C-alpha atoms as a PDB file:
ATOM      1  CA  MET A   1       0.000   0.000   0.000  1.00  0.00           C
ATOM      2  CA  GLU A   2       1.524   3.329  -1.044  1.00  0.00           C
ATOM      3  CA  ARG A   3       0.705   6.615   0.604  1.00  0.00           C
ATOM      4  CA  ALA A   4       3.046   8.942  -1.293  1.00  0.00           C
ATOM      5  CA  GLY A   5       5.481   9.222   1.591  1.00  0.00           C
ATOM      6  CA  ARG A   6       2.853  10.061   4.169  1.00  0.00           C
ATOM      7  CA  PRO A   7       3.382   8.761   7.714  1.00  0.00           C
ATOM      8  CA  ILE A   8       1.925   5.324   8.405  1.00  0.00           C
ATOM      9  CA  GLU A   9       1.370   4.796  12.099  1.00  0.00           C
ATOM     10  CA  TYR A  10      -0.312   2.032  14.083  1.00  0.00           C
ATOM     11  CA  ARG A  11      -1.307   1.565  17.692  1.00  0.00           C
ATOM     12  CA  SER A  12      -1.066  -1.965  19.040  1.00  0.00           C
ATOM     13  CA  VAL A  13      -1.912  -4.099  22.050  1.00  0.00           C
ATOM     14  CA  VAL A  14      -0.666  -7.554  23.054  1.00  0.00           C
ATOM     15  CA  ILE A  15      -3.480  -9.805  24.259  1.00  0.00           C
ATOM     16  CA  PRO A  16      -3.239 -10.902  27.916  1.00  0.00           C
ATOM     17  CA  LYS A  17      -4.498 -14.273  29.145  1.00  0.00           C
ATOM     18  CA  GLU A  18      -7.777 -12.853  30.487  1.00  0.00           C
ATOM     19  CA  ARG A  19      -8.762 -11.505  27.041  1.00  0.00           C
ATOM     20  CA  GLU A  20      -8.116 -14.739  25.161  1.00  0.00           C
ATOM     21  CA  GLY A  21     -11.137 -15.668  23.044  1.00  0.00           C
ATOM     22  CA  ALA A  22     -12.337 -12.078  22.551  1.00  0.00           C
ATOM     23  CA  THR A  23     -13.028 -10.900  19.015  1.00  0.00           C
ATOM     24  CA  VAL A  24     -10.737  -8.459  17.261  1.00  0.00           C
ATOM     25  CA  GLU A  25     -13.617  -5.959  17.271  1.00  0.00           C
ATOM     26  CA  SER A  26     -13.960  -6.226  21.051  1.00  0.00           C
ATOM     27  CA  VAL A  27     -10.222  -5.639  21.488  1.00  0.00           C
ATOM     28  CA  LEU A  28     -10.346  -2.632  19.174  1.00  0.00           C
ATOM     29  CA  LYS A  29     -13.216  -1.056  21.106  1.00  0.00           C
ATOM     30  CA  HIS A  30     -12.106  -1.783  24.659  1.00  0.00           C
ATOM     31  CA  GLU A  31      -8.307  -1.996  24.676  1.00  0.00           C
ATOM     32  CA  LEU A  32      -7.553   0.442  21.844  1.00  0.00           C
ATOM     33  CA  GLU A  33     -10.654   2.663  22.282  1.00  0.00           C
ATOM     34  CA  VAL A  34     -11.485   2.698  18.569  1.00  0.00           C
ATOM     35  CA  SER A  35     -14.980   3.955  17.760  1.00  0.00           C
ATOM     36  CA  GLY A  36     -17.451   1.792  15.879  1.00  0.00           C
ATOM     37  CA  GLY A  37     -17.492   4.263  13.001  1.00  0.00           C
ATOM     38  CA  ARG A  38     -13.712   4.181  12.664  1.00  0.00           C
ATOM     39  CA  ILE A  39     -13.692   0.374  12.733  1.00  0.00           C
ATOM     40  CA  SER A  40     -16.251   0.326   9.916  1.00  0.00           C
ATOM     41  CA  ARG A  41     -14.132   2.680   7.825  1.00  0.00           C
ATOM     42  CA  LEU A  42     -10.911   0.786   8.458  1.00  0.00           C
ATOM     43  CA  LYS A  43     -12.473  -2.476   7.288  1.00  0.00           C
ATOM     44  CA  ARG A  44     -12.336  -0.932   3.810  1.00  0.00           C
ATOM     45  CA  VAL A  45      -8.754   0.323   4.122  1.00  0.00           C
ATOM     46  CA  ASP A  46      -5.856  -1.851   2.985  1.00  0.00           C
ATOM     47  CA  ARG A  47      -4.042  -3.023   6.131  1.00  0.00           C
ATOM     48  CA  GLY A  48      -6.247  -0.853   8.334  1.00  0.00           C
ATOM     49  CA  LEU A  49      -6.680  -3.635  10.933  1.00  0.00           C
ATOM     50  CA  LEU A  50      -3.956  -6.187  11.646  1.00  0.00           C
ATOM     51  CA  LEU A  51      -3.449  -9.327  13.703  1.00  0.00           C
ATOM     52  CA  ASN A  52       0.206 -10.217  14.165  1.00  0.00           C
ATOM     53  CA  GLY A  53       1.058  -7.988  11.193  1.00  0.00           C
ATOM     54  CA  SER A  54      -1.493  -9.449   8.769  1.00  0.00           C
ATOM     55  CA  PRO A  55      -4.927  -8.127   7.716  1.00  0.00           C
ATOM     56  CA  VAL A  56      -7.727  -9.580   9.818  1.00  0.00           C
ATOM     57  CA  ARG A  57     -11.517  -9.662  10.025  1.00  0.00           C
ATOM     58  CA  THR A  58     -13.070  -8.134  13.113  1.00  0.00           C
ATOM     59  CA  THR A  59     -14.877 -11.408  13.920  1.00  0.00           C
ATOM     60  CA  ARG A  60     -11.601 -13.290  14.404  1.00  0.00           C
ATOM     61  CA  ARG A  61     -10.980 -14.469  17.960  1.00  0.00           C
ATOM     62  CA  VAL A  62      -7.622 -13.745  19.555  1.00  0.00           C
ATOM     63  CA  GLU A  63      -5.245 -15.828  21.638  1.00  0.00           C
ATOM     64  CA  GLU A  64      -2.896 -14.869  24.447  1.00  0.00           C
ATOM     65  CA  GLY A  65       0.199 -13.170  23.027  1.00  0.00           C
ATOM     66  CA  ASP A  66      -1.482 -12.053  19.796  1.00  0.00           C
ATOM     67  CA  GLU A  67      -0.855  -8.459  18.724  1.00  0.00           C
ATOM     68  CA  VAL A  68      -3.805  -6.449  17.429  1.00  0.00           C
ATOM     69  CA  SER A  69      -2.958  -3.220  15.576  1.00  0.00           C
ATOM     70  CA  VAL A  70      -5.069  -0.378  14.259  1.00  0.00           C
ATOM     71  CA  LEU A  71      -4.014   2.204  11.690  1.00  0.00           C
ATOM     72  CA  ILE A  72      -4.209   5.633  13.335  1.00  0.00           C
ATOM     73  CA  SER A  73      -2.915   7.647  10.366  1.00  0.00           C
ATOM     74  CA  ASP A  74      -5.782   9.376   8.566  1.00  0.00           C
ATOM     75  CA  GLU A  75      -6.809   7.260   5.611  1.00  0.00           C
ATOM     76  CA  PRO A  76      -7.935   8.612   3.280  1.00  0.00           C
ATOM     77  CA  LEU A  77      -6.545  12.083   3.902  1.00  0.00           C
ATOM     78  CA  LYS A  78      -9.393  14.596   3.518  1.00  0.00           C
ATOM     79  CA  ARG A  79      -8.659  18.300   3.779  1.00  0.00           C
ATOM     80  CA  THR A  80     -11.365  20.726   4.871  1.00  0.00           C
ATOM     81  CA  ALA A  81      -9.344  23.830   3.957  1.00  0.00           C
ATOM     82  CA  GLU A  82      -6.597  24.768   1.548  1.00  0.00           C
ATOM     83  CA  PRO A  83      -3.240  25.825   3.021  1.00  0.00           C
ATOM     84  CA  VAL A  84      -2.826  29.547   3.654  1.00  0.00           C
ATOM     85  CA  PRO A  85       0.291  30.714   5.546  1.00  0.00           C
ATOM     86  CA  PHE A  86      -0.517  32.426   8.850  1.00  0.00           C
ATOM     87  CA  PRO A  87       1.668  32.884  11.953  1.00  0.00           C
ATOM     88  CA  LEU A  88       0.738  30.418  14.697  1.00  0.00           C
ATOM     89  CA  ASP A  89       1.679  30.915  18.360  1.00  0.00           C
ATOM     90  CA  ILE A  90       2.609  27.307  19.172  1.00  0.00           C
ATOM     91  CA  VAL A  91       2.644  26.426  22.865  1.00  0.00           C
ATOM     92  CA  TYR A  92       3.377  22.691  22.475  1.00  0.00           C
ATOM     93  CA  GLU A  93       3.857  20.190  19.680  1.00  0.00           C
ATOM     94  CA  ASP A  94       4.687  16.512  19.269  1.00  0.00           C
ATOM     95  CA  ARG A  95       3.899  13.864  16.671  1.00  0.00           C
ATOM     96  CA  TYR A  96       0.273  13.623  17.817  1.00  0.00           C
ATOM     97  CA  LEU A  97      -0.731  17.020  19.196  1.00  0.00           C
ATOM     98  CA  LEU A  98      -0.503  20.726  18.496  1.00  0.00           C
ATOM     99  CA  ILE A  99      -1.488  23.244  21.174  1.00  0.00           C
ATOM    100  CA  VAL A 100      -1.714  26.868  20.130  1.00  0.00           C
ATOM    101  CA  ASN A 101      -2.530  30.240  21.621  1.00  0.00           C
ATOM    102  CA  LYS A 102      -5.456  31.309  19.454  1.00  0.00           C
ATOM    103  CA  PRO A 103      -5.589  35.010  18.539  1.00  0.00           C
ATOM    104  CA  ASN A 104      -8.714  37.153  18.478  1.00  0.00           C
ATOM    105  CA  GLY A 105     -10.656  37.666  15.271  1.00  0.00           C
ATOM    106  CA  ILE A 106     -10.139  34.372  13.469  1.00  0.00           C
ATOM    107  CA  SER A 107     -12.577  31.466  13.216  1.00  0.00           C
ATOM    108  CA  VAL A 108     -11.421  27.900  13.755  1.00  0.00           C
ATOM    109  CA  HIS A 109     -13.390  26.236  10.956  1.00  0.00           C
ATOM    110  CA  PRO A 110     -14.164  27.403   7.401  1.00  0.00           C
ATOM    111  CA  THR A 111     -17.270  29.579   7.227  1.00  0.00           C
ATOM    112  CA  ILE A 112     -19.910  30.209   4.574  1.00  0.00           C
ATOM    113  CA  ASN A 113     -17.574  32.865   3.188  1.00  0.00           C
ATOM    114  CA  PRO A 114     -15.005  30.891   1.132  1.00  0.00           C
ATOM    115  CA  ALA A 115     -12.615  33.850   1.129  1.00  0.00           C
ATOM    116  CA  GLU A 116     -12.420  34.071   4.928  1.00  0.00           C
ATOM    117  CA  MET A 117      -9.130  33.014   6.474  1.00  0.00           C
ATOM    118  CA  THR A 118      -9.524  30.482   9.309  1.00  0.00           C
ATOM    119  CA  LEU A 119      -7.257  28.516  11.610  1.00  0.00           C
ATOM    120  CA  GLU A 120      -7.877  25.367   9.575  1.00  0.00           C
ATOM    121  CA  HIS A 121      -6.294  27.144   6.589  1.00  0.00           C
ATOM    122  CA  ALA A 122      -3.336  28.031   8.805  1.00  0.00           C
ATOM    123  CA  PHE A 123      -3.033  24.490  10.170  1.00  0.00           C
ATOM    124  CA  ALA A 124      -3.076  23.077   6.632  1.00  0.00           C
ATOM    125  CA  ALA A 125      -0.147  25.328   5.694  1.00  0.00           C
ATOM    126  CA  TYR A 126       1.806  24.573   8.866  1.00  0.00           C
ATOM    127  CA  LEU A 127       1.333  20.790   8.925  1.00  0.00           C
ATOM    128  CA  GLY A 128       1.931  20.331   5.209  1.00  0.00           C
ATOM    129  CA  PRO A 129       0.446  17.722   2.876  1.00  0.00           C
ATOM    130  CA  ASP A 130       0.851  14.693   5.160  1.00  0.00           C
ATOM    131  CA  TYR A 131      -1.534  15.666   7.957  1.00  0.00           C
ATOM    132  CA  VAL A 132      -4.995  17.094   8.521  1.00  0.00           C
ATOM    133  CA  ALA A 133      -5.651  19.153  11.641  1.00  0.00           C
ATOM    134  CA  HIS A 134      -8.432  17.906  13.926  1.00  0.00           C
ATOM    135  CA  PRO A 135      -9.441  20.644  16.420  1.00  0.00           C
ATOM    136  CA  VAL A 136     -10.535  18.954  19.623  1.00  0.00           C
ATOM    137  CA  SER A 137     -12.619  21.842  20.869  1.00  0.00           C
ATOM    138  CA  ARG A 138     -13.661  25.017  19.139  1.00  0.00           C
ATOM    139  CA  LEU A 139     -13.090  28.519  20.465  1.00  0.00           C
ATOM    140  CA  ASP A 140     -15.377  31.309  19.258  1.00  0.00           C
ATOM    141  CA  LYS A 141     -13.959  33.767  16.750  1.00  0.00           C
ATOM    142  CA  GLY A 142     -13.460  36.386  19.450  1.00  0.00           C
ATOM    143  CA  THR A 143     -12.150  34.044  22.153  1.00  0.00           C
ATOM    144  CA  THR A 144      -8.396  33.848  22.659  1.00  0.00           C
ATOM    145  CA  GLY A 145      -6.081  31.376  24.314  1.00  0.00           C
ATOM    146  CA  LEU A 146      -5.170  27.713  24.561  1.00  0.00           C
ATOM    147  CA  MET A 147      -6.633  25.385  21.975  1.00  0.00           C
ATOM    148  CA  THR A 148      -5.853  21.702  21.396  1.00  0.00           C
ATOM    149  CA  VAL A 149      -5.513  20.213  17.922  1.00  0.00           C
ATOM    150  CA  ALA A 150      -4.940  16.527  17.114  1.00  0.00           C
ATOM    151  CA  LYS A 151      -2.864  15.502  14.112  1.00  0.00           C
ATOM    152  CA  TYR A 152      -4.878  12.294  13.666  1.00  0.00           C
ATOM    153  CA  GLY A 153      -8.628  11.744  13.782  1.00  0.00           C
ATOM    154  CA  TYR A 154      -8.083   8.786  16.108  1.00  0.00           C
ATOM    155  CA  VAL A 155      -6.282  10.995  18.640  1.00  0.00           C
ATOM    156  CA  GLN A 156      -9.069  13.572  18.382  1.00  0.00           C
ATOM    157  CA  GLU A 157     -11.624  10.883  19.268  1.00  0.00           C
ATOM    158  CA  LEU A 158      -9.613   9.798  22.310  1.00  0.00           C
ATOM    159  CA  LEU A 159      -9.407  13.377  23.578  1.00  0.00           C
ATOM    160  CA  LYS A 160     -13.073  14.185  22.999  1.00  0.00           C
ATOM    161  CA  ARG A 161     -14.051  11.258  25.211  1.00  0.00           C
ATOM    162  CA  LYS A 162     -11.940  12.701  28.037  1.00  0.00           C
ATOM    163  CA  MET A 163     -13.183  16.287  27.864  1.00  0.00           C
ATOM    164  CA  HIS A 164     -14.444  17.804  31.127  1.00  0.00           C
ATOM    165  CA  SER A 165     -12.735  15.083  33.160  1.00  0.00           C
ATOM    166  CA  ASP A 166      -9.546  15.015  35.231  1.00  0.00           C
ATOM    167  CA  GLU A 167      -7.744  13.819  32.088  1.00  0.00           C
ATOM    168  CA  PHE A 168      -8.696  16.834  29.959  1.00  0.00           C
ATOM    169  CA  ARG A 169      -9.940  20.005  31.604  1.00  0.00           C
ATOM    170  CA  ARG A 170      -9.738  23.695  30.907  1.00  0.00           C
ATOM    171  CA  GLU A 171     -10.087  26.928  32.803  1.00  0.00           C
ATOM    172  CA  TYR A 172     -10.918  30.352  31.373  1.00  0.00           C
ATOM    173  CA  ARG A 173     -10.538  33.948  32.421  1.00  0.00           C
ATOM    174  CA  GLY A 174     -13.412  36.294  31.745  1.00  0.00           C
ATOM    175  CA  ILE A 175     -14.190  39.902  32.600  1.00  0.00           C
ATOM    176  CA  ALA A 176     -17.826  40.498  33.514  1.00  0.00           C
ATOM    177  CA  VAL A 177     -19.687  43.787  33.703  1.00  0.00           C
ATOM    178  CA  GLY A 178     -20.631  44.623  37.297  1.00  0.00           C
ATOM    179  CA  HIS A 179     -19.526  43.289  40.689  1.00  0.00           C
ATOM    180  CA  VAL A 180     -20.322  39.583  40.534  1.00  0.00           C
ATOM    181  CA  ILE A 181     -22.075  38.435  43.718  1.00  0.00           C
ATOM    182  CA  PRO A 182     -21.861  35.885  45.258  1.00  0.00           C
ATOM    183  CA  GLU A 183     -18.131  35.625  44.717  1.00  0.00           C
ATOM    184  CA  SER A 184     -18.258  31.965  43.703  1.00  0.00           C
ATOM    185  CA  GLY A 185     -20.835  29.475  42.582  1.00  0.00           C
ATOM    186  CA  GLU A 186     -22.121  27.215  39.869  1.00  0.00           C
ATOM    187  CA  ILE A 187     -24.535  28.054  37.082  1.00  0.00           C
ATOM    188  CA  TYR A 188     -26.896  25.425  35.706  1.00  0.00           C
ATOM    189  CA  GLY A 189     -29.134  25.700  32.680  1.00  0.00           C
ATOM    190  CA  ALA A 190     -29.783  23.821  29.457  1.00  0.00           C
ATOM    191  CA  ILE A 191     -28.652  25.738  26.358  1.00  0.00           C
ATOM    192  CA  ASP A 192     -30.157  25.599  22.890  1.00  0.00           C
ATOM    193  CA  PHE A 193     -30.763  27.764  19.829  1.00  0.00           C
ATOM    194  CA  ALA A 194     -32.519  31.094  20.398  1.00  0.00           C
ATOM    195  CA  GLY A 195     -35.504  30.996  18.036  1.00  0.00           C
ATOM    196  CA  GLU A 196     -34.643  30.853  14.363  1.00  0.00           C
ATOM    197  CA  ALA A 197     -31.094  32.125  14.846  1.00  0.00           C
ATOM    198  CA  SER A 198     -28.452  29.682  13.680  1.00  0.00           C
ATOM    199  CA  TYR A 199     -25.781  31.171  15.932  1.00  0.00           C
ATOM    200  CA  LYS A 200     -27.339  32.696  19.060  1.00  0.00           C
ATOM    201  CA  ARG A 201     -28.041  30.505  22.087  1.00  0.00           C
ATOM    202  CA  THR A 202     -30.297  30.862  25.105  1.00  0.00           C
ATOM    203  CA  ILE A 203     -31.290  29.089  28.333  1.00  0.00           C
ATOM    204  CA  VAL A 204     -34.158  26.640  27.723  1.00  0.00           C
ATOM    205  CA  GLU A 205     -36.367  24.657  30.081  1.00  0.00           C
ATOM    206  CA  LYS A 206     -35.663  21.209  28.648  1.00  0.00           C
ATOM    207  CA  GLY A 207     -32.480  19.676  27.313  1.00  0.00           C
ATOM    208  CA  PRO A 208     -29.127  18.316  28.477  1.00  0.00           C
ATOM    209  CA  GLU A 209     -28.042  20.426  31.419  1.00  0.00           C
ATOM    210  CA  ALA A 210     -25.004  22.664  31.048  1.00  0.00           C
ATOM    211  CA  ARG A 211     -22.885  23.543  34.089  1.00  0.00           C
ATOM    212  CA  THR A 212     -20.366  26.332  34.667  1.00  0.00           C
ATOM    213  CA  GLY A 213     -18.321  27.098  37.758  1.00  0.00           C
ATOM    214  CA  TYR A 214     -17.111  30.615  38.515  1.00  0.00           C
ATOM    215  CA  GLU A 215     -14.974  32.384  41.115  1.00  0.00           C
ATOM    216  CA  VAL A 216     -14.144  36.066  41.522  1.00  0.00           C
ATOM    217  CA  ILE A 217     -10.431  36.814  41.231  1.00  0.00           C
ATOM    218  CA  SER A 218     -10.619  40.594  41.597  1.00  0.00           C
ATOM    219  CA  TYR A 219     -12.782  43.660  41.065  1.00  0.00           C
ATOM    220  CA  ALA A 220     -11.708  46.568  38.862  1.00  0.00           C
ATOM    221  CA  GLY A 221     -14.076  49.519  38.837  1.00  0.00           C
ATOM    222  CA  ASN A 222     -17.399  48.226  37.502  1.00  0.00           C
ATOM    223  CA  PHE A 223     -15.830  45.008  36.219  1.00  0.00           C
ATOM    224  CA  THR A 224     -14.998  41.592  37.675  1.00  0.00           C
ATOM    225  CA  LEU A 225     -12.142  39.346  36.652  1.00  0.00           C
ATOM    226  CA  LEU A 226     -13.401  35.770  36.866  1.00  0.00           C
ATOM    227  CA  ARG A 227     -12.086  32.246  36.905  1.00  0.00           C
ATOM    228  CA  LEU A 228     -14.515  30.254  34.727  1.00  0.00           C
ATOM    229  CA  ILE A 229     -14.699  26.453  34.589  1.00  0.00           C
ATOM    230  CA  PRO A 230     -16.821  24.715  31.952  1.00  0.00           C
ATOM    231  CA  TYR A 231     -17.976  21.356  33.309  1.00  0.00           C
ATOM    232  CA  THR A 232     -19.862  20.760  30.066  1.00  0.00           C
ATOM    233  CA  GLY A 233     -19.173  21.947  26.531  1.00  0.00           C
ATOM    234  CA  LYS A 234     -22.108  23.767  24.962  1.00  0.00           C
ATOM    235  CA  THR A 235     -21.717  26.435  22.278  1.00  0.00           C
ATOM    236  CA  HIS A 236     -21.327  29.898  23.896  1.00  0.00           C
ATOM    237  CA  GLN A 237     -21.819  28.251  27.313  1.00  0.00           C
ATOM    238  CA  LEU A 238     -19.714  30.622  29.415  1.00  0.00           C
ATOM    239  CA  ARG A 239     -21.127  33.696  27.703  1.00  0.00           C
ATOM    240  CA  VAL A 240     -24.747  32.542  27.979  1.00  0.00           C
ATOM    241  CA  HIS A 241     -24.436  31.435  31.584  1.00  0.00           C
ATOM    242  CA  MET A 242     -22.809  34.658  32.797  1.00  0.00           C
ATOM    243  CA  SER A 243     -25.452  36.699  30.997  1.00  0.00           C
ATOM    244  CA  SER A 244     -28.186  34.545  32.519  1.00  0.00           C
ATOM    245  CA  ILE A 245     -27.204  35.595  36.069  1.00  0.00           C
ATOM    246  CA  GLY A 246     -27.024  39.270  35.146  1.00  0.00           C
ATOM    247  CA  TYR A 247     -23.277  39.642  34.595  1.00  0.00           C
ATOM    248  CA  PRO A 248     -22.544  39.444  30.852  1.00  0.00           C
ATOM    249  CA  LEU A 249     -18.954  39.477  29.705  1.00  0.00           C
ATOM    250  CA  ALA A 250     -17.535  42.869  28.771  1.00  0.00           C
ATOM    251  CA  GLY A 251     -17.821  43.558  25.062  1.00  0.00           C
ATOM    252  CA  ASP A 252     -20.248  40.695  24.430  1.00  0.00           C
ATOM    253  CA  PHE A 253     -22.344  42.095  21.582  1.00  0.00           C
ATOM    254  CA  MET A 254     -24.624  39.028  21.531  1.00  0.00           C
ATOM    255  CA  TYR A 255     -25.386  38.432  25.204  1.00  0.00           C
ATOM    256  CA  GLY A 256     -24.533  41.796  26.725  1.00  0.00           C
ATOM    257  CA  ALA A 257     -23.614  45.186  25.252  1.00  0.00           C
ATOM    258  CA  GLU A 258     -21.038  45.949  22.581  1.00  0.00           C
ATOM    259  CA  ASP A 259     -18.525  48.666  23.456  1.00  0.00           C
ATOM    260  CA  ARG A 260     -15.627  48.800  21.004  1.00  0.00           C
ATOM    261  CA  THR A 261     -13.982  51.605  22.959  1.00  0.00           C
ATOM    262  CA  LEU A 262     -13.639  49.124  25.822  1.00  0.00           C
ATOM    263  CA  ILE A 263     -12.828  45.908  23.950  1.00  0.00           C
ATOM    264  CA  GLU A 264     -13.647  44.732  20.427  1.00  0.00           C
ATOM    265  CA  ARG A 265     -14.788  41.249  21.442  1.00  0.00           C
ATOM    266  CA  PRO A 266     -16.263  39.327  24.380  1.00  0.00           C
ATOM    267  CA  ALA A 267     -13.659  39.410  27.161  1.00  0.00           C
ATOM    268  CA  LEU A 268     -13.016  35.672  27.331  1.00  0.00           C
ATOM    269  CA  HIS A 269      -9.691  33.810  27.289  1.00  0.00           C
ATOM    270  CA  SER A 270      -8.796  30.104  27.441  1.00  0.00           C
ATOM    271  CA  TYR A 271      -6.246  30.463  30.233  1.00  0.00           C
ATOM    272  CA  GLU A 272      -5.206  27.045  31.569  1.00  0.00           C
ATOM    273  CA  LEU A 273      -5.185  23.459  30.310  1.00  0.00           C
ATOM    274  CA  TRP A 274      -4.580  20.110  32.006  1.00  0.00           C
ATOM    275  CA  LEU A 275      -4.196  17.153  29.693  1.00  0.00           C
ATOM    276  CA  ARG A 276      -3.250  13.502  30.023  1.00  0.00           C
ATOM    277  CA  HIS A 277      -1.642  12.680  26.702  1.00  0.00           C
ATOM    278  CA  PRO A 278      -3.861  10.052  25.045  1.00  0.00           C
ATOM    279  CA  MET A 279      -0.910   8.249  23.428  1.00  0.00           C
ATOM    280  CA  THR A 280       1.921   8.532  25.947  1.00  0.00           C
ATOM    281  CA  GLY A 281       0.031   8.896  29.231  1.00  0.00           C
ATOM    282  CA  GLU A 282       2.129  11.951  30.149  1.00  0.00           C
ATOM    283  CA  ASP A 283       0.397  14.642  32.218  1.00  0.00           C
ATOM    284  CA  LEU A 284       0.702  18.040  30.545  1.00  0.00           C
ATOM    285  CA  HIS A 285      -0.129  21.471  31.971  1.00  0.00           C
ATOM    286  CA  PHE A 286      -0.151  24.834  30.197  1.00  0.00           C
ATOM    287  CA  VAL A 287      -0.942  28.419  31.191  1.00  0.00           C
ATOM    288  CA  CYS A 288      -1.468  31.276  28.750  1.00  0.00           C
ATOM    289  CA  PRO A 289      -1.677  34.744  30.395  1.00  0.00           C
ATOM    290  CA  ILE A 290      -4.598  36.967  29.461  1.00  0.00           C
ATOM    291  CA  PRO A 291      -3.983  39.223  26.437  1.00  0.00           C
ATOM    292  CA  GLU A 292      -3.409  42.951  26.352  1.00  0.00           C
ATOM    293  CA  ASP A 293      -6.973  43.959  25.453  1.00  0.00           C
ATOM    294  CA  MET A 294      -8.300  42.291  28.618  1.00  0.00           C
ATOM    295  CA  GLU A 295      -5.438  43.597  30.776  1.00  0.00           C
ATOM    296  CA  ARG A 296      -6.283  47.073  29.549  1.00  0.00           C
ATOM    297  CA  ILE A 297      -9.811  46.868  31.018  1.00  0.00           C
ATOM    298  CA  LEU A 298      -8.371  45.949  34.404  1.00  0.00           C
ATOM    299  CA  ARG A 299      -5.724  48.691  34.312  1.00  0.00           C
ATOM    300  CA  LEU A 300      -8.122  51.460  33.371  1.00  0.00           C
ATOM    301  CA  ASN A 301     -10.792  50.611  35.964  1.00  0.00           C
END
């Protein structure tokens, strides 16, 4: 099988005595954490699934000492954006992951405007023709800070399963309008689309509950610097939840009041990240200080 020089990488497990007699599919799902959809796709890929180095059907039963391997390289390679050079602030990189400090004013994914530059265009240029970027979580166009990107779809799936757990958690900094009281707490409320809008969200009575933790760090004039913890991952969750308790984020044109003399975006920053590496098991920790436009609000108030 030729892949024009692209990296070919597998993840493998050796079968212990207690798993003897299990099917290859069971081993893939439980030991290697491969999703059912990925297994289905790899059945059609040459050498996508291997037993002791040879192609195998998922119904085959394994014996102690057998080695089951799954192709984790993206196959086929499908780009969602053409490469466009753009400077990336890279916080961490290895063969599986890329963690960047996202700037303000750029979307992560391609939009309905084909001419709009996005981070996926930048990732395509940076990673070159052998990889496709797989953002693990999306930051809004105006949100800055730490963002995790997988270099393989398989790694993205592993990380998504761990989100909002001790193995993959994030903390934000936000600046709210007003003196937030009480000084700490949790906000609950299901979030869904607001009417016919395809972008705006609102609190609704029924639906999967969203949960946000907050804690006051300091007051500055009529503003509050907050520690924000998303325990769930709904679109616009932190912005909607803070607005719902009467303290919208500064500059939030959608859920508060726009004031471009103060800040040209919602004052929200992905500040801290804890991550157990899904391939190596290493515990990683990153901090990205809040940017100048948010610091300016605190200095001037």
